[in-house]
Amino acid sequence: MSAVAADADLIARAFAEQARYLAREALGYEHGEGVPRDQPYAARLYCESARLGDPEGMYALGWMYANGRGVERNDDYAATFFAMAAEKGNEYAARMQRYTGESTGAVPECMQTPSTLLVQRWPVEALIARLPPARQEVARMLSELAPKYGILPQFALAIGLTESALNPQALSPKNAMGVMQLIPATAERFNVSKPYDPEQNIRGGLAYLRWLLAYFEGDIALAAAGYNAGEGAVDRHRGVPPYRETRAYVERILRHVGQARHPYDGSVVPPSPMLRSLRLASQEDHET
């Protein structure tokens, strides 16, 4: 396996664990095992697990919709979730398809957008524990330094995993370096003199993320797009640039952070003028 393929596999395994964790936690809330029974909350957790691709979450949510457990009964939703789970090899879901039929394509709203449930519930340590030993130390450093820059550990880890699979020696064809893949101009901008020193590199990347969050007023999609393509590109395109790589990057970050907004420190930098122009345009459209 090539180094690139190995890194991609590492990222996929790390985030698949997030989905599996949510399905396990949902099971506890569904049946009241070790936690108070809360079936509506279990359904929301299952939905986020299903959105992230976990077949157990898909099957469990299909069962809840088929039986009206914690949610209003919806046979169309049930058929879709059983079909999704069966396609991923869940034998119980395949059996249920004999009664519910093929997928209707209908899904609840929670499958369309990231849930706000994840941010405080995704256990960072559970993710770190499943990384290769060589990456665990870097992941812990990143998650511990992130709050000092006002960054949620989940967001910082999503960036670090996506950028380099937490490899301190990573070097891209565009000369982006280290864990947070800092290009020379960004390293200089945030006073990183040793880009292959993990702590220096991480601190530089976190400082840039803090700046981007302030500049885009806590919009995670725009901050992630700025990290990938530069804030200038986001301003020019008045949103996430239409680059295939950047759009895939933003979708991955949003999917794994689990929310669209992030707290930010407005004293770091004035907001992008582009945001004001977008608001004015939106207001004018609404008035007309």
Protein backbone atom coordinates (compact mmCIF):
# COMPACT_ATOMS: atom_id res chain seq x y z
CA MET A 1 0.00 0.00 0.00
CA SER A 2 1.34 3.43 -0.95
CA ALA A 3 1.85 6.15 1.65
CA VAL A 4 -1.05 8.14 0.19
CA ALA A 5 -3.37 5.13 0.29
CA ALA A 6 -2.28 4.33 3.83
CA ASP A 7 -3.04 7.88 4.96
CA ALA A 8 -6.44 7.80 3.27
CA ASP A 9 -7.19 4.49 4.97
CA LEU A 10 -6.18 5.95 8.34
CA ILE A 11 -8.57 8.87 7.89
CA ALA A 12 -11.43 6.61 6.79
CA ARG A 13 -10.94 4.28 9.76
CA ALA A 14 -10.75 7.15 12.23
CA PHE A 15 -13.99 8.71 11.09
CA ALA A 16 -15.81 5.38 10.70
CA GLU A 17 -15.13 4.88 14.40
CA GLN A 18 -16.98 8.11 15.09
CA ALA A 19 -20.09 6.70 13.37
CA ARG A 20 -19.82 3.37 15.20
CA TYR A 21 -19.50 5.15 18.53
CA LEU A 22 -22.70 7.11 17.89
CA ALA A 23 -24.61 3.93 17.06
CA ARG A 24 -23.40 2.28 20.28
CA GLU A 25 -24.34 5.30 22.37
CA ALA A 26 -27.75 5.50 20.71
CA LEU A 27 -28.40 1.87 21.63
CA GLY A 28 -27.91 2.74 25.30
CA TYR A 29 -30.40 5.61 25.14
CA GLU A 30 -32.88 3.54 23.15
CA HIS A 31 -33.06 0.83 25.83
CA GLY A 32 -32.01 2.78 28.93
CA GLU A 33 -28.82 0.78 29.43
CA GLY A 34 -26.50 2.73 31.74
CA VAL A 35 -28.22 6.02 30.88
CA PRO A 36 -31.78 7.34 31.19
CA ARG A 37 -34.02 5.96 28.45
CA ASP A 38 -34.54 8.63 25.79
CA GLN A 39 -35.72 7.21 22.48
CA PRO A 40 -36.10 10.52 20.59
CA TYR A 41 -32.50 11.34 21.48
CA ALA A 42 -31.46 7.81 20.45
CA ALA A 43 -33.12 8.38 17.07
CA ARG A 44 -31.14 11.58 16.54
CA LEU A 45 -27.89 9.80 17.39
CA TYR A 46 -28.76 6.90 15.08
CA CYS A 47 -29.51 9.38 12.30
CA GLU A 48 -26.11 11.04 12.64
CA SER A 49 -24.46 7.61 12.66
CA ALA A 50 -26.42 6.67 9.52
CA ARG A 51 -25.49 9.96 7.84
CA LEU A 52 -21.84 9.11 8.46
CA GLY A 53 -22.34 5.73 6.78
CA ASP A 54 -22.71 3.22 9.63
CA PRO A 55 -25.00 0.26 8.67
CA GLU A 56 -25.94 -0.46 12.29
CA GLY A 57 -27.19 3.10 12.69
CA MET A 58 -29.14 2.76 9.42
CA TYR A 59 -30.77 -0.51 10.48
CA ALA A 60 -31.64 0.72 13.98
CA LEU A 61 -33.19 3.93 12.68
CA GLY A 62 -35.16 1.97 10.08
CA TRP A 63 -36.54 -0.18 12.89
CA MET A 64 -37.53 2.89 14.90
CA TYR A 65 -39.38 4.41 11.94
CA ALA A 66 -41.03 1.07 11.11
CA ASN A 67 -42.36 0.77 14.67
CA GLY A 68 -42.88 4.40 15.64
CA ARG A 69 -40.34 4.09 18.44
CA GLY A 70 -39.08 7.51 19.54
CA VAL A 71 -40.19 8.96 16.18
CA GLU A 72 -43.44 9.17 14.27
CA ARG A 73 -43.94 6.01 12.23
CA ASN A 74 -42.88 6.48 8.61
CA ASP A 75 -42.79 3.44 6.34
CA ASP A 76 -41.06 5.33 3.53
CA TYR A 77 -38.16 6.28 5.81
CA ALA A 78 -38.01 2.75 7.18
CA ALA A 79 -37.76 1.27 3.68
CA THR A 80 -34.94 3.64 2.75
CA PHE A 81 -32.88 2.93 5.86
CA PHE A 82 -33.32 -0.85 5.60
CA ALA A 83 -32.25 -0.69 1.95
CA MET A 84 -29.20 1.43 2.80
CA ALA A 85 -28.15 -0.95 5.57
CA ALA A 86 -28.77 -4.04 3.42
CA GLU A 87 -26.59 -2.60 0.67
CA LYS A 88 -23.78 -2.34 3.22
CA GLY A 89 -24.19 -6.00 4.17
CA ASN A 90 -26.51 -5.88 7.20
CA GLU A 91 -28.36 -9.21 7.04
CA TYR A 92 -31.15 -8.14 9.41
CA ALA A 93 -31.95 -5.19 7.21
CA ALA A 94 -32.01 -7.46 4.16
CA ARG A 95 -34.63 -9.61 5.89
CA MET A 96 -36.73 -6.56 6.72
CA GLN A 97 -36.76 -5.58 3.06
CA ARG A 98 -39.12 -8.51 2.45
CA TYR A 99 -41.73 -6.50 4.34
CA THR A 100 -40.77 -2.92 3.50
CA GLY A 101 -39.67 -3.30 -0.12
CA GLU A 102 -37.10 -1.27 -2.00
CA SER A 103 -35.78 2.14 -1.00
CA THR A 104 -38.21 5.01 -1.53
CA GLY A 105 -35.38 7.56 -1.45
CA ALA A 106 -37.19 9.45 1.33
CA VAL A 107 -35.06 10.42 4.34
CA PRO A 108 -35.66 12.66 7.36
CA GLU A 109 -34.14 16.14 7.55
CA CYS A 110 -31.40 14.96 9.92
CA MET A 111 -29.81 13.09 7.00
CA GLN A 112 -29.39 16.31 5.03
CA THR A 113 -27.31 18.44 7.38
CA PRO A 114 -24.70 17.79 10.11
CA SER A 115 -26.14 17.41 13.58
CA THR A 116 -25.22 19.77 16.42
CA LEU A 117 -25.21 16.74 18.74
CA LEU A 118 -21.74 15.61 17.84
CA VAL A 119 -19.55 18.42 19.07
CA GLN A 120 -19.66 17.63 22.76
CA ARG A 121 -20.48 13.93 22.47
CA TRP A 122 -17.81 12.57 20.14
CA PRO A 123 -15.15 11.25 22.51
CA VAL A 124 -11.80 12.53 21.28
CA GLU A 125 -9.95 9.96 23.35
CA ALA A 126 -11.89 7.11 21.74
CA LEU A 127 -10.76 8.31 18.33
CA ILE A 128 -7.16 8.83 19.41
CA ALA A 129 -6.98 5.37 20.99
CA ARG A 130 -7.69 3.79 17.61
CA LEU A 131 -4.98 5.63 15.74
CA PRO A 132 -1.58 3.99 15.13
CA PRO A 133 0.78 4.59 18.09
CA ALA A 134 2.97 6.88 15.98
CA ARG A 135 0.00 9.21 15.43
CA GLN A 136 -1.50 9.14 18.92
CA GLU A 137 1.04 11.50 20.45
CA VAL A 138 0.47 14.04 17.68
CA ALA A 139 -3.31 13.71 18.01
CA ARG A 140 -3.17 14.32 21.76
CA MET A 141 -0.93 17.33 21.29
CA LEU A 142 -3.34 18.74 18.72
CA SER A 143 -6.44 18.14 20.86
CA GLU A 144 -4.78 19.61 23.97
CA LEU A 145 -3.46 22.73 22.22
CA ALA A 146 -6.68 23.44 20.31
CA PRO A 147 -8.67 24.96 23.23
CA LYS A 148 -5.78 27.36 23.95
CA TYR A 149 -6.52 28.88 20.55
CA GLY A 150 -10.28 28.79 21.02
CA ILE A 151 -10.62 25.80 18.66
CA LEU A 152 -12.80 22.78 19.37
CA PRO A 153 -10.59 19.65 19.46
CA GLN A 154 -12.97 17.95 17.03
CA PHE A 155 -12.41 20.69 14.44
CA ALA A 156 -8.65 20.68 14.94
CA LEU A 157 -8.44 16.90 14.60
CA ALA A 158 -10.63 16.92 11.49
CA ILE A 159 -8.25 19.40 9.87
CA GLY A 160 -5.11 17.55 10.98
CA LEU A 161 -6.37 14.15 9.85
CA THR A 162 -7.59 15.47 6.52
CA GLU A 163 -4.47 17.50 5.82
CA SER A 164 -1.74 15.00 6.64
CA ALA A 165 -3.17 12.03 8.57
CA LEU A 166 -1.23 13.64 11.47
CA ASN A 167 2.13 13.02 9.81
CA PRO A 168 4.74 15.55 11.08
CA GLN A 169 6.98 14.87 8.06
CA ALA A 170 4.31 15.22 5.38
CA LEU A 171 5.22 17.33 2.35
CA SER A 172 2.72 18.01 -0.43
CA PRO A 173 3.47 18.71 -4.11
CA LYS A 174 2.58 22.35 -3.33
CA ASN A 175 5.26 22.44 -0.61
CA ALA A 176 2.76 22.34 2.26
CA MET A 177 4.57 21.03 5.33
CA GLY A 178 3.96 19.01 8.46
CA VAL A 179 0.89 18.04 10.47
CA MET A 180 -1.19 21.08 9.50
CA GLN A 181 0.29 21.34 5.98
CA LEU A 182 1.52 24.92 6.21
CA ILE A 183 2.78 26.47 2.99
CA PRO A 184 5.90 28.65 3.47
CA ALA A 185 3.91 31.91 3.35
CA THR A 186 1.50 30.73 6.05
CA ALA A 187 4.35 29.42 8.20
CA GLU A 188 6.03 32.83 7.99
CA ARG A 189 2.76 34.65 8.63
CA PHE A 190 2.22 32.77 11.90
CA ASN A 191 5.85 32.71 13.04
CA VAL A 192 6.58 29.04 12.38
CA SER A 193 10.35 28.81 11.91
CA LYS A 194 10.52 24.99 12.16
CA PRO A 195 7.57 23.64 10.16
CA TYR A 196 8.55 20.02 10.77
CA ASP A 197 8.53 20.46 14.53
CA PRO A 198 5.09 19.06 15.44
CA GLU A 199 4.28 21.57 18.18
CA GLN A 200 5.38 24.61 16.18
CA ASN A 201 3.49 23.39 13.14
CA ILE A 202 0.33 22.67 15.11
CA ARG A 203 0.44 26.04 16.86
CA GLY A 204 0.82 27.76 13.50
CA GLY A 205 -2.12 25.85 12.03
CA LEU A 206 -4.31 26.57 15.05
CA ALA A 207 -3.42 30.27 14.93
CA TYR A 208 -4.49 30.32 11.29
CA LEU A 209 -7.74 28.50 12.09
CA ARG A 210 -8.45 31.03 14.87
CA TRP A 211 -7.85 33.86 12.39
CA LEU A 212 -10.08 32.27 9.76
CA LEU A 213 -12.91 31.68 12.22
CA ALA A 214 -12.81 35.34 13.26
CA TYR A 215 -12.56 36.53 9.65
CA PHE A 216 -15.56 34.44 8.60
CA GLU A 217 -17.45 34.96 11.87
CA GLY A 218 -17.53 31.35 12.96
CA ASP A 219 -18.69 29.82 9.67
CA ILE A 220 -16.93 26.44 9.63
CA ALA A 221 -17.48 25.86 5.90
CA LEU A 222 -15.88 29.18 4.98
CA ALA A 223 -13.05 28.73 7.49
CA ALA A 224 -12.30 25.25 6.15
CA ALA A 225 -12.45 26.52 2.57
CA GLY A 226 -10.06 29.31 3.52
CA TYR A 227 -7.67 26.83 5.10
CA ASN A 228 -7.68 24.74 1.93
CA ALA A 229 -7.77 27.39 -0.79
CA GLY A 230 -6.90 30.64 1.01
CA GLU A 231 -9.24 33.29 2.38
CA GLY A 232 -8.71 35.38 -0.76
CA ALA A 233 -10.30 32.68 -2.91
CA VAL A 234 -13.30 32.52 -0.56
CA ASP A 235 -13.73 36.30 -0.78
CA ARG A 236 -13.44 36.33 -4.58
CA HIS A 237 -16.02 33.59 -5.00
CA ARG A 238 -18.27 34.98 -2.24
CA GLY A 239 -18.37 31.58 -0.54
CA VAL A 240 -16.80 28.15 -0.88
CA PRO A 241 -14.81 28.25 -4.15
CA PRO A 242 -16.05 25.99 -6.97
CA TYR A 243 -12.89 23.87 -6.89
CA ARG A 244 -13.61 20.14 -6.69
CA GLU A 245 -10.84 19.57 -4.14
CA THR A 246 -12.00 22.42 -1.89
CA ARG A 247 -15.65 21.42 -1.98
CA ALA A 248 -14.80 17.82 -1.12
CA TYR A 249 -12.52 19.08 1.65
CA VAL A 250 -15.24 21.30 3.16
CA GLU A 251 -17.82 18.51 3.00
CA ARG A 252 -15.46 16.16 4.82
CA ILE A 253 -14.73 18.69 7.56
CA LEU A 254 -18.42 19.55 8.05
CA ARG A 255 -19.37 15.89 8.10
CA HIS A 256 -16.92 15.06 10.84
CA VAL A 257 -17.13 18.20 12.96
CA GLY A 258 -20.89 17.84 12.99
CA GLN A 259 -21.98 21.48 13.02
CA ALA A 260 -21.88 24.54 10.81
CA ARG A 261 -20.98 27.21 13.38
CA HIS A 262 -18.02 27.61 15.74
CA PRO A 263 -17.35 30.12 18.54
CA TYR A 264 -14.86 32.80 17.51
CA ASP A 265 -12.89 35.71 18.94
CA GLY A 266 -13.92 38.85 17.11
CA SER A 267 -10.90 40.75 18.43
CA VAL A 268 -8.49 38.67 16.33
CA VAL A 269 -9.34 40.33 13.02
CA PRO A 270 -12.23 42.37 11.56
CA PRO A 271 -14.71 40.25 9.60
CA SER A 272 -14.45 39.79 5.87
CA PRO A 273 -16.19 42.65 3.99
CA MET A 274 -17.60 39.94 1.75
CA LEU A 275 -19.89 38.79 4.57
CA ARG A 276 -21.52 42.21 4.82
CA SER A 277 -22.07 42.36 1.06
CA LEU A 278 -23.70 38.92 1.14
CA ARG A 279 -26.04 40.03 3.93
CA LEU A 280 -26.99 43.18 2.06
CA ALA A 281 -27.68 41.21 -1.11
CA SER A 282 -29.79 38.72 0.85
CA GLN A 283 -31.73 41.55 2.49
CA GLU A 284 -32.41 43.21 -0.88
CA ASP A 285 -33.60 39.92 -2.34
CA HIS A 286 -35.93 39.44 0.60
CA GLU A 287 -37.35 42.95 0.27
CA THR A 288 -38.05 42.51 -3.42
